């Protein structure tokens, strides 16, 4: 890889504020776009933290609380309204 063109890549803690859940991973956000916020992790080290509004812990699709829309009713209504004319 060419030197000097790639962003810094390092450990970052992503914190889901809705579910009060955090996880440590590596990201290019470690380069300084975290606005100086840090957190002390379970291993005793301090890492930059990025607050997210939603993650797999709080997303309705992954938690099983997603609502299923009545697509069959919509299709039947469309067929009644616009189907088989004449």
N, C-alpha and C. Protein backbone atom coordinates (compact mmCIF):
# COMPACT_ATOMS: atom_id res chain seq x y z
N UNK A 1 0.83 -1.18 0.00
CA UNK A 1 0.00 0.00 0.00
C UNK A 1 0.87 1.24 0.00
N UNK A 2 0.37 2.28 -0.62
CA UNK A 2 1.12 3.54 -0.63
C UNK A 2 1.05 4.19 0.74
N UNK A 3 2.13 4.77 1.15
CA UNK A 3 2.20 5.42 2.46
C UNK A 3 1.58 6.82 2.40
N UNK A 4 0.93 7.22 3.49
CA UNK A 4 0.42 8.56 3.63
C UNK A 4 -0.95 8.84 3.02
N UNK A 5 -1.58 7.84 2.38
CA UNK A 5 -2.88 8.11 1.77
C UNK A 5 -4.03 7.41 2.50
N UNK A 6 -3.72 6.52 3.42
CA UNK A 6 -4.75 5.76 4.11
C UNK A 6 -5.03 6.34 5.49
N UNK A 7 -6.29 6.33 5.91
CA UNK A 7 -6.61 6.85 7.24
C UNK A 7 -6.09 5.93 8.34
N UNK A 8 -5.93 6.49 9.52
CA UNK A 8 -5.48 5.67 10.66
C UNK A 8 -6.53 4.61 10.97
N UNK A 9 -6.09 3.41 11.29
CA UNK A 9 -6.97 2.28 11.55
C UNK A 9 -6.60 1.70 12.90
N UNK A 10 -7.53 1.72 13.83
CA UNK A 10 -7.21 1.22 15.16
C UNK A 10 -8.45 0.87 15.95
N UNK A 11 -8.25 0.51 17.21
CA UNK A 11 -9.38 0.08 18.03
C UNK A 11 -10.29 1.26 18.40
N UNK A 12 -11.61 0.99 18.34
CA UNK A 12 -12.64 1.98 18.67
C UNK A 12 -13.77 1.25 19.37
N UNK A 13 -14.39 1.91 20.34
CA UNK A 13 -15.57 1.37 21.01
C UNK A 13 -16.80 2.03 20.40
N UNK A 14 -17.71 1.22 19.88
CA UNK A 14 -19.00 1.71 19.40
C UNK A 14 -20.01 1.48 20.51
N UNK A 15 -20.72 2.55 20.89
CA UNK A 15 -21.67 2.47 22.01
C UNK A 15 -23.07 2.76 21.50
N UNK A 16 -23.98 1.80 21.70
CA UNK A 16 -25.39 1.95 21.34
C UNK A 16 -26.09 2.61 22.51
N UNK A 17 -26.49 3.86 22.34
CA UNK A 17 -27.09 4.62 23.43
C UNK A 17 -28.49 4.11 23.76
N UNK A 18 -29.22 3.56 22.81
CA UNK A 18 -30.58 3.11 23.05
C UNK A 18 -30.62 1.86 23.92
N UNK A 19 -29.66 0.96 23.73
CA UNK A 19 -29.67 -0.31 24.46
C UNK A 19 -28.61 -0.37 25.55
N UNK A 20 -27.83 0.69 25.70
CA UNK A 20 -26.75 0.72 26.69
C UNK A 20 -25.81 -0.47 26.49
N UNK A 21 -25.37 -0.65 25.26
CA UNK A 21 -24.49 -1.75 24.87
C UNK A 21 -23.29 -1.17 24.13
N UNK A 22 -22.13 -1.72 24.37
CA UNK A 22 -20.92 -1.26 23.68
C UNK A 22 -20.10 -2.46 23.22
N UNK A 23 -19.37 -2.26 22.13
CA UNK A 23 -18.47 -3.32 21.66
C UNK A 23 -17.21 -2.70 21.09
N UNK A 24 -16.13 -3.41 21.25
CA UNK A 24 -14.81 -2.96 20.81
C UNK A 24 -14.50 -3.60 19.47
N UNK A 25 -14.08 -2.78 18.52
CA UNK A 25 -13.71 -3.27 17.21
C UNK A 25 -12.64 -2.34 16.64
N UNK A 26 -12.22 -2.58 15.41
CA UNK A 26 -11.24 -1.71 14.77
C UNK A 26 -11.93 -0.93 13.67
N UNK A 27 -11.54 0.32 13.50
CA UNK A 27 -12.19 1.18 12.52
C UNK A 27 -11.26 2.30 12.12
N UNK A 28 -11.57 2.92 10.98
CA UNK A 28 -10.83 4.10 10.56
C UNK A 28 -11.29 5.33 11.33
N UNK A 29 -12.36 5.24 12.10
CA UNK A 29 -12.81 6.35 12.93
C UNK A 29 -11.85 6.61 14.08
N UNK A 30 -10.90 5.74 14.28
CA UNK A 30 -9.90 5.94 15.33
C UNK A 30 -8.98 7.10 15.01
N UNK A 31 -9.02 7.58 13.78
CA UNK A 31 -8.12 8.63 13.34
C UNK A 31 -8.41 10.01 13.89
N UNK A 32 -9.51 10.20 14.61
CA UNK A 32 -9.73 11.50 15.21
C UNK A 32 -11.09 12.11 14.97
N UNK A 33 -11.97 11.44 14.23
CA UNK A 33 -13.29 12.01 13.98
C UNK A 33 -14.28 11.69 15.09
N UNK A 34 -13.79 11.24 16.24
CA UNK A 34 -14.68 10.90 17.35
C UNK A 34 -14.87 12.06 18.31
N UNK A 35 -14.40 13.23 17.96
CA UNK A 35 -14.57 14.47 18.72
C UNK A 35 -13.97 14.39 20.12
N UNK A 36 -12.90 13.62 20.28
CA UNK A 36 -12.17 13.59 21.54
C UNK A 36 -12.81 12.80 22.66
N UNK A 37 -13.91 12.11 22.41
CA UNK A 37 -14.54 11.32 23.46
C UNK A 37 -13.82 9.99 23.62
N UNK A 38 -13.58 9.60 24.85
CA UNK A 38 -12.92 8.33 25.13
C UNK A 38 -13.70 7.60 26.21
N UNK A 39 -13.41 6.31 26.33
CA UNK A 39 -14.05 5.47 27.34
C UNK A 39 -13.02 4.47 27.84
N UNK A 40 -13.09 4.15 29.11
CA UNK A 40 -12.22 3.12 29.65
C UNK A 40 -12.92 1.78 29.48
N UNK A 41 -12.26 0.87 28.77
CA UNK A 41 -12.85 -0.42 28.43
C UNK A 41 -12.58 -1.44 29.53
N UNK A 42 -13.14 -2.62 29.41
CA UNK A 42 -13.03 -3.68 30.42
C UNK A 42 -11.60 -4.10 30.68
N UNK A 43 -10.72 -3.95 29.70
CA UNK A 43 -9.33 -4.35 29.88
C UNK A 43 -8.49 -3.27 30.55
N UNK A 44 -9.10 -2.15 30.93
CA UNK A 44 -8.39 -1.08 31.62
C UNK A 44 -7.78 -0.03 30.72
N UNK A 45 -7.81 -0.24 29.42
CA UNK A 45 -7.26 0.73 28.48
C UNK A 45 -8.33 1.74 28.08
N UNK A 46 -7.89 2.88 27.61
CA UNK A 46 -8.79 3.94 27.15
C UNK A 46 -8.84 3.93 25.64
N UNK A 47 -10.05 3.93 25.07
CA UNK A 47 -10.24 3.91 23.63
C UNK A 47 -11.17 5.05 23.22
N UNK A 48 -11.06 5.51 21.97
CA UNK A 48 -12.03 6.48 21.47
C UNK A 48 -13.40 5.81 21.37
N UNK A 49 -14.45 6.57 21.60
CA UNK A 49 -15.81 6.02 21.58
C UNK A 49 -16.64 6.74 20.53
N UNK A 50 -17.47 5.97 19.81
CA UNK A 50 -18.39 6.51 18.82
C UNK A 50 -19.79 6.12 19.27
N UNK A 51 -20.65 7.11 19.51
CA UNK A 51 -22.03 6.84 19.90
C UNK A 51 -22.89 6.63 18.67
N UNK A 52 -23.63 5.53 18.65
CA UNK A 52 -24.54 5.22 17.55
C UNK A 52 -25.96 5.16 18.09
N UNK A 53 -26.93 5.47 17.25
CA UNK A 53 -28.31 5.47 17.69
C UNK A 53 -28.91 4.07 17.71
N UNK A 54 -28.41 3.19 16.85
CA UNK A 54 -29.00 1.87 16.74
C UNK A 54 -27.93 0.87 16.32
N UNK A 55 -28.02 -0.34 16.87
CA UNK A 55 -27.10 -1.41 16.49
C UNK A 55 -27.89 -2.71 16.45
N UNK A 56 -27.19 -3.83 16.31
CA UNK A 56 -27.89 -5.11 16.25
C UNK A 56 -28.61 -5.44 17.56
N UNK A 57 -28.22 -4.83 18.65
CA UNK A 57 -28.85 -5.10 19.94
C UNK A 57 -30.21 -4.41 20.06
N UNK A 58 -30.36 -3.24 19.42
CA UNK A 58 -31.60 -2.49 19.56
C UNK A 58 -32.42 -2.39 18.27
N UNK A 59 -31.92 -2.92 17.16
CA UNK A 59 -32.65 -2.82 15.90
C UNK A 59 -33.85 -3.77 15.90
N UNK A 60 -35.04 -3.31 15.52
CA UNK A 60 -36.23 -4.16 15.55
C UNK A 60 -36.12 -5.43 14.73
N UNK A 61 -35.40 -5.40 13.61
CA UNK A 61 -35.27 -6.60 12.79
C UNK A 61 -34.51 -7.70 13.52
N UNK A 62 -33.42 -7.33 14.17
CA UNK A 62 -32.59 -8.33 14.84
C UNK A 62 -33.15 -8.76 16.20
N UNK A 63 -33.95 -7.91 16.83
CA UNK A 63 -34.51 -8.26 18.14
C UNK A 63 -35.82 -9.02 18.02
N UNK A 64 -36.37 -9.10 16.82
CA UNK A 64 -37.61 -9.83 16.62
C UNK A 64 -38.86 -9.02 16.92
N UNK A 65 -38.73 -7.72 17.09
CA UNK A 65 -39.89 -6.89 17.39
C UNK A 65 -40.36 -6.11 16.17
N UNK A 66 -39.87 -6.47 14.99
CA UNK A 66 -40.28 -5.77 13.77
C UNK A 66 -41.72 -6.12 13.45
N UNK A 67 -42.47 -5.13 12.99
CA UNK A 67 -43.85 -5.37 12.61
C UNK A 67 -43.91 -5.76 11.14
N UNK A 68 -44.70 -6.77 10.83
CA UNK A 68 -44.86 -7.22 9.47
C UNK A 68 -46.07 -6.50 8.88
N UNK A 69 -45.87 -5.88 7.74
CA UNK A 69 -46.97 -5.17 7.10
C UNK A 69 -47.88 -6.17 6.39
N UNK A 70 -49.14 -5.85 6.30
CA UNK A 70 -50.12 -6.71 5.65
C UNK A 70 -50.03 -6.54 4.14
N UNK A 71 -49.05 -7.19 3.53
CA UNK A 71 -48.87 -7.04 2.09
C UNK A 71 -49.94 -7.80 1.32
N UNK A 72 -50.45 -8.89 1.86
CA UNK A 72 -51.49 -9.65 1.17
C UNK A 72 -52.75 -8.80 1.02
N UNK A 73 -53.12 -8.09 2.06
CA UNK A 73 -54.28 -7.22 1.98
C UNK A 73 -54.10 -6.12 0.96
N UNK A 74 -52.91 -5.59 0.85
CA UNK A 74 -52.64 -4.54 -0.12
C UNK A 74 -52.72 -5.08 -1.55
N UNK A 75 -52.18 -6.28 -1.76
CA UNK A 75 -52.21 -6.87 -3.09
C UNK A 75 -53.65 -7.17 -3.49
N UNK A 76 -54.43 -7.74 -2.58
CA UNK A 76 -55.83 -8.04 -2.89
C UNK A 76 -56.61 -6.77 -3.20
N UNK A 77 -56.36 -5.72 -2.48
CA UNK A 77 -57.05 -4.45 -2.73
C UNK A 77 -56.66 -3.90 -4.09
N UNK A 78 -55.38 -4.03 -4.47
CA UNK A 78 -54.93 -3.57 -5.77
C UNK A 78 -55.61 -4.37 -6.89
N UNK A 79 -55.68 -5.69 -6.72
CA UNK A 79 -56.30 -6.54 -7.74
C UNK A 79 -57.79 -6.20 -7.86
N UNK A 80 -58.46 -5.99 -6.73
CA UNK A 80 -59.87 -5.62 -6.79
C UNK A 80 -60.07 -4.30 -7.52
N UNK A 81 -59.17 -3.38 -7.29
CA UNK A 81 -59.33 -2.04 -7.84
C UNK A 81 -58.91 -1.97 -9.32
N UNK A 82 -57.77 -2.57 -9.67
CA UNK A 82 -57.22 -2.40 -11.01
C UNK A 82 -57.12 -3.68 -11.83
N UNK A 83 -57.34 -4.81 -11.22
CA UNK A 83 -57.19 -6.07 -11.94
C UNK A 83 -58.38 -6.37 -12.81
N UNK A 84 -58.24 -7.33 -13.70
CA UNK A 84 -59.26 -7.89 -14.60
C UNK A 84 -60.41 -6.95 -14.90
N UNK A 85 -60.13 -5.98 -15.70
CA UNK A 85 -61.20 -5.07 -16.15
C UNK A 85 -61.65 -5.46 -17.55
N UNK A 86 -62.95 -5.41 -17.78
CA UNK A 86 -63.47 -5.62 -19.13
C UNK A 86 -63.79 -7.00 -19.37
